[in-house]
Amino acid sequence: MTLAETQKRTAEDFIRGYNEWTLEGLLRARSDDCVHVTLPASLGRPNRTNEDYREFFKPLSHMISELKMEILNFVNDSDQHKAVVHAKGAGESLVGPYRNEYAFFFDFNADGTKVVRAEEFVDSAFSNGFSAKLEEYMKARNGKSAGSQDG
């Protein structure tokens, strides 16, 4: 298998982890030292290590269900160990339908088998609105904040 084919398989596995909607699935294609960045920076979301992502995902896993991601476009540069995936995701949530659009920029390890950095651009208008709805829901239900949550 060529490096380009391996990177493509790893990127697809990364996206497939969202379809599984399990922590194991979401972390499987990541290196142990992977950093996940949510963009645009104007959203103010922190960069997350795998451990940070575990903590982020725990409450989110109960708020969104039946998430399905679809790859719309894929660009791969094996010489630079990078790929870009344009995808859309749809599912259900505690506050109504979840519909988001993504552009993932992946940096791979030398053999292309793991993502060492994932930069995830989200639809900021949808993400801000969705986060606000979750915040309201959690305050009404528990009397406490859900924090900023997006996929």
C-alpha atoms as a PDB file:
ATOM      1  CA  MET A   1       0.000   0.000   0.000  1.00  0.00           C
ATOM      2  CA  THR A   2       1.357   3.455  -0.875  1.00  0.00           C
ATOM      3  CA  LEU A   3       1.709   6.265   1.648  1.00  0.00           C
ATOM      4  CA  ALA A   4      -1.117   8.149  -0.097  1.00  0.00           C
ATOM      5  CA  GLU A   5      -3.414   5.121   0.236  1.00  0.00           C
ATOM      6  CA  THR A   6      -2.480   4.693   3.908  1.00  0.00           C
ATOM      7  CA  GLN A   7      -3.171   8.366   4.659  1.00  0.00           C
ATOM      8  CA  LYS A   8      -6.530   8.128   2.895  1.00  0.00           C
ATOM      9  CA  ARG A   9      -7.446   5.048   4.922  1.00  0.00           C
ATOM     10  CA  THR A  10      -6.400   6.794   8.164  1.00  0.00           C
ATOM     11  CA  ALA A  11      -8.423   9.918   7.321  1.00  0.00           C
ATOM     12  CA  GLU A  12     -11.463   7.766   6.517  1.00  0.00           C
ATOM     13  CA  ASP A  13     -10.981   5.907   9.806  1.00  0.00           C
ATOM     14  CA  PHE A  14     -10.870   9.239  11.649  1.00  0.00           C
ATOM     15  CA  ILE A  15     -14.234  10.231  10.111  1.00  0.00           C
ATOM     16  CA  ARG A  16     -15.654   6.726  10.684  1.00  0.00           C
ATOM     17  CA  GLY A  17     -14.991   7.283  14.401  1.00  0.00           C
ATOM     18  CA  TYR A  18     -17.674   9.988  14.379  1.00  0.00           C
ATOM     19  CA  ASN A  19     -20.121   7.551  12.790  1.00  0.00           C
ATOM     20  CA  GLU A  20     -19.427   5.075  15.594  1.00  0.00           C
ATOM     21  CA  TRP A  21     -19.880   7.900  18.139  1.00  0.00           C
ATOM     22  CA  THR A  22     -17.712   6.171  20.730  1.00  0.00           C
ATOM     23  CA  LEU A  23     -14.601   7.440  22.448  1.00  0.00           C
ATOM     24  CA  GLU A  24     -12.655   4.438  21.168  1.00  0.00           C
ATOM     25  CA  GLY A  25     -13.762   5.155  17.600  1.00  0.00           C
ATOM     26  CA  LEU A  26     -12.945   8.854  17.848  1.00  0.00           C
ATOM     27  CA  LEU A  27      -9.435   8.247  19.202  1.00  0.00           C
ATOM     28  CA  ARG A  28      -8.468   5.173  17.153  1.00  0.00           C
ATOM     29  CA  ALA A  29      -6.880   7.052  14.224  1.00  0.00           C
ATOM     30  CA  ARG A  30      -5.046   9.539  16.460  1.00  0.00           C
ATOM     31  CA  SER A  31      -1.473   9.287  17.671  1.00  0.00           C
ATOM     32  CA  ASP A  32      -0.933   9.256  21.430  1.00  0.00           C
ATOM     33  CA  ASP A  33       0.240  12.874  21.265  1.00  0.00           C
ATOM     34  CA  CYS A  34      -2.392  14.091  18.784  1.00  0.00           C
ATOM     35  CA  VAL A  35      -3.660  17.656  19.153  1.00  0.00           C
ATOM     36  CA  HIS A  36      -7.203  18.510  18.049  1.00  0.00           C
ATOM     37  CA  VAL A  37      -7.783  22.162  17.155  1.00  0.00           C
ATOM     38  CA  THR A  38     -11.276  23.590  16.625  1.00  0.00           C
ATOM     39  CA  LEU A  39     -11.412  26.492  14.200  1.00  0.00           C
ATOM     40  CA  PRO A  40     -12.085  29.249  13.446  1.00  0.00           C
ATOM     41  CA  ALA A  41     -10.089  30.692  16.313  1.00  0.00           C
ATOM     42  CA  SER A  42     -12.819  33.290  16.855  1.00  0.00           C
ATOM     43  CA  LEU A  43     -14.900  30.545  18.523  1.00  0.00           C
ATOM     44  CA  GLY A  44     -12.382  30.550  21.365  1.00  0.00           C
ATOM     45  CA  ARG A  45     -12.313  26.751  21.696  1.00  0.00           C
ATOM     46  CA  PRO A  46      -9.222  25.270  23.357  1.00  0.00           C
ATOM     47  CA  ASN A  47      -6.794  22.931  21.649  1.00  0.00           C
ATOM     48  CA  ARG A  48      -7.352  19.423  22.978  1.00  0.00           C
ATOM     49  CA  THR A  49      -4.992  16.537  23.667  1.00  0.00           C
ATOM     50  CA  ASN A  50      -6.501  13.049  23.572  1.00  0.00           C
ATOM     51  CA  GLU A  51      -7.116  13.283  27.329  1.00  0.00           C
ATOM     52  CA  ASP A  52      -8.802  16.671  26.896  1.00  0.00           C
ATOM     53  CA  TYR A  53     -10.907  15.219  24.075  1.00  0.00           C
ATOM     54  CA  ARG A  54     -12.009  12.351  26.354  1.00  0.00           C
ATOM     55  CA  GLU A  55     -13.295  14.879  28.886  1.00  0.00           C
ATOM     56  CA  PHE A  56     -14.945  16.976  26.162  1.00  0.00           C
ATOM     57  CA  PHE A  57     -16.672  13.944  24.640  1.00  0.00           C
ATOM     58  CA  LYS A  58     -18.119  12.416  27.837  1.00  0.00           C
ATOM     59  CA  PRO A  59     -21.054  14.839  28.214  1.00  0.00           C
ATOM     60  CA  LEU A  60     -21.388  15.374  24.456  1.00  0.00           C
ATOM     61  CA  SER A  61     -21.842  11.641  23.846  1.00  0.00           C
ATOM     62  CA  HIS A  62     -25.155  11.787  25.723  1.00  0.00           C
ATOM     63  CA  MET A  63     -26.356  14.970  24.029  1.00  0.00           C
ATOM     64  CA  ILE A  64     -26.009  13.913  20.383  1.00  0.00           C
ATOM     65  CA  SER A  65     -27.072  10.587  18.904  1.00  0.00           C
ATOM     66  CA  GLU A  66     -27.214   8.896  15.535  1.00  0.00           C
ATOM     67  CA  LEU A  67     -24.441  11.133  14.192  1.00  0.00           C
ATOM     68  CA  LYS A  68     -23.435  10.279  10.651  1.00  0.00           C
ATOM     69  CA  MET A  69     -20.554  11.967   8.884  1.00  0.00           C
ATOM     70  CA  GLU A  70     -20.273  11.990   5.112  1.00  0.00           C
ATOM     71  CA  ILE A  71     -17.066  12.844   3.260  1.00  0.00           C
ATOM     72  CA  LEU A  72     -17.804  15.302   0.468  1.00  0.00           C
ATOM     73  CA  ASN A  73     -14.277  15.951  -0.765  1.00  0.00           C
ATOM     74  CA  PHE A  74     -10.811  14.592  -0.046  1.00  0.00           C
ATOM     75  CA  VAL A  75      -7.417  16.069  -0.948  1.00  0.00           C
ATOM     76  CA  ASN A  76      -4.240  14.211  -0.041  1.00  0.00           C
ATOM     77  CA  ASP A  77      -0.582  15.317  -0.102  1.00  0.00           C
ATOM     78  CA  SER A  78       1.580  12.372   0.912  1.00  0.00           C
ATOM     79  CA  ASP A  79       4.808  14.337   0.292  1.00  0.00           C
ATOM     80  CA  GLN A  80       3.868  16.715   3.119  1.00  0.00           C
ATOM     81  CA  HIS A  81       2.010  14.065   5.197  1.00  0.00           C
ATOM     82  CA  LYS A  82      -1.198  16.106   5.034  1.00  0.00           C
ATOM     83  CA  ALA A  83      -4.782  15.719   3.889  1.00  0.00           C
ATOM     84  CA  VAL A  84      -7.955  17.802   3.837  1.00  0.00           C
ATOM     85  CA  VAL A  85     -11.449  16.383   4.227  1.00  0.00           C
ATOM     86  CA  HIS A  86     -14.634  18.355   3.629  1.00  0.00           C
ATOM     87  CA  ALA A  87     -17.500  16.608   5.417  1.00  0.00           C
ATOM     88  CA  LYS A  88     -20.991  17.125   6.733  1.00  0.00           C
ATOM     89  CA  GLY A  89     -22.536  15.600   9.799  1.00  0.00           C
ATOM     90  CA  ALA A  90     -26.141  15.006  10.748  1.00  0.00           C
ATOM     91  CA  GLY A  91     -27.701  13.540  13.840  1.00  0.00           C
ATOM     92  CA  GLU A  92     -30.191  14.093  16.594  1.00  0.00           C
ATOM     93  CA  SER A  93     -29.663  15.925  19.856  1.00  0.00           C
ATOM     94  CA  LEU A  94     -31.432  16.803  23.069  1.00  0.00           C
ATOM     95  CA  VAL A  95     -32.266  20.193  21.524  1.00  0.00           C
ATOM     96  CA  GLY A  96     -33.270  19.151  18.010  1.00  0.00           C
ATOM     97  CA  PRO A  97     -31.549  18.194  14.768  1.00  0.00           C
ATOM     98  CA  TYR A  98     -27.768  18.428  14.611  1.00  0.00           C
ATOM     99  CA  ARG A  99     -26.460  19.548  11.207  1.00  0.00           C
ATOM    100  CA  ASN A 100     -22.879  20.746  10.894  1.00  0.00           C
ATOM    101  CA  GLU A 101     -20.302  21.148   8.160  1.00  0.00           C
ATOM    102  CA  TYR A 102     -16.581  20.552   8.606  1.00  0.00           C
ATOM    103  CA  ALA A 103     -13.208  20.945   6.962  1.00  0.00           C
ATOM    104  CA  PHE A 104     -10.569  18.763   8.594  1.00  0.00           C
ATOM    105  CA  PHE A 105      -6.875  19.444   8.011  1.00  0.00           C
ATOM    106  CA  PHE A 106      -4.885  16.369   9.012  1.00  0.00           C
ATOM    107  CA  ASP A 107      -1.152  16.028   9.674  1.00  0.00           C
ATOM    108  CA  PHE A 108      -0.010  12.396   9.700  1.00  0.00           C
ATOM    109  CA  ASN A 109       2.901  10.544  11.227  1.00  0.00           C
ATOM    110  CA  ALA A 110       5.700   9.389   8.898  1.00  0.00           C
ATOM    111  CA  ASP A 111       3.998   6.153   7.828  1.00  0.00           C
ATOM    112  CA  GLY A 112       0.526   7.727   7.535  1.00  0.00           C
ATOM    113  CA  THR A 113      -1.108   5.402  10.047  1.00  0.00           C
ATOM    114  CA  LYS A 114      -2.003   8.031  12.662  1.00  0.00           C
ATOM    115  CA  VAL A 115      -3.220  11.625  12.749  1.00  0.00           C
ATOM    116  CA  VAL A 116      -0.817  13.723  14.829  1.00  0.00           C
ATOM    117  CA  ARG A 117      -2.750  16.984  14.416  1.00  0.00           C
ATOM    118  CA  ALA A 118      -6.356  17.567  13.405  1.00  0.00           C
ATOM    119  CA  GLU A 119      -7.543  21.074  12.662  1.00  0.00           C
ATOM    120  CA  GLU A 120     -11.332  21.033  12.468  1.00  0.00           C
ATOM    121  CA  PHE A 121     -13.144  23.988  10.936  1.00  0.00           C
ATOM    122  CA  VAL A 122     -16.802  23.957  11.940  1.00  0.00           C
ATOM    123  CA  ASP A 123     -19.798  25.950  10.766  1.00  0.00           C
ATOM    124  CA  SER A 124     -19.426  28.675  13.380  1.00  0.00           C
ATOM    125  CA  ALA A 125     -22.973  30.033  12.992  1.00  0.00           C
ATOM    126  CA  PHE A 126     -24.477  26.592  13.584  1.00  0.00           C
ATOM    127  CA  SER A 127     -21.998  25.704  16.355  1.00  0.00           C
ATOM    128  CA  ASN A 128     -22.635  28.889  18.328  1.00  0.00           C
ATOM    129  CA  GLY A 129     -26.406  28.493  18.036  1.00  0.00           C
ATOM    130  CA  PHE A 130     -26.260  24.807  18.954  1.00  0.00           C
ATOM    131  CA  SER A 131     -23.981  25.481  21.949  1.00  0.00           C
ATOM    132  CA  ALA A 132     -26.390  28.168  23.185  1.00  0.00           C
ATOM    133  CA  LYS A 133     -29.354  25.766  22.917  1.00  0.00           C
ATOM    134  CA  LEU A 134     -27.443  23.072  24.832  1.00  0.00           C
ATOM    135  CA  GLU A 135     -26.460  25.597  27.467  1.00  0.00           C
ATOM    136  CA  GLU A 136     -30.092  26.625  27.965  1.00  0.00           C
ATOM    137  CA  TYR A 137     -31.231  23.000  28.075  1.00  0.00           C
ATOM    138  CA  MET A 138     -28.644  22.031  30.685  1.00  0.00           C
ATOM    139  CA  LYS A 139     -29.363  25.074  32.845  1.00  0.00           C
ATOM    140  CA  ALA A 140     -33.078  24.326  32.783  1.00  0.00           C
ATOM    141  CA  ARG A 141     -32.525  20.640  33.480  1.00  0.00           C
ATOM    142  CA  ASN A 142     -29.690  20.678  35.998  1.00  0.00           C
ATOM    143  CA  GLY A 143     -29.214  24.254  36.996  1.00  0.00           C
ATOM    144  CA  LYS A 144     -25.641  24.177  35.675  1.00  0.00           C
ATOM    145  CA  SER A 145     -23.675  25.038  32.551  1.00  0.00           C
ATOM    146  CA  ALA A 146     -22.959  22.580  29.739  1.00  0.00           C
ATOM    147  CA  GLY A 147     -20.049  24.670  28.458  1.00  0.00           C
ATOM    148  CA  SER A 148     -19.237  25.110  24.803  1.00  0.00           C
ATOM    149  CA  GLN A 149     -20.042  21.883  23.032  1.00  0.00           C
ATOM    150  CA  ASP A 150     -19.711  21.127  19.351  1.00  0.00           C
ATOM    151  CA  GLY A 151     -18.455  18.147  17.450  1.00  0.00           C
END
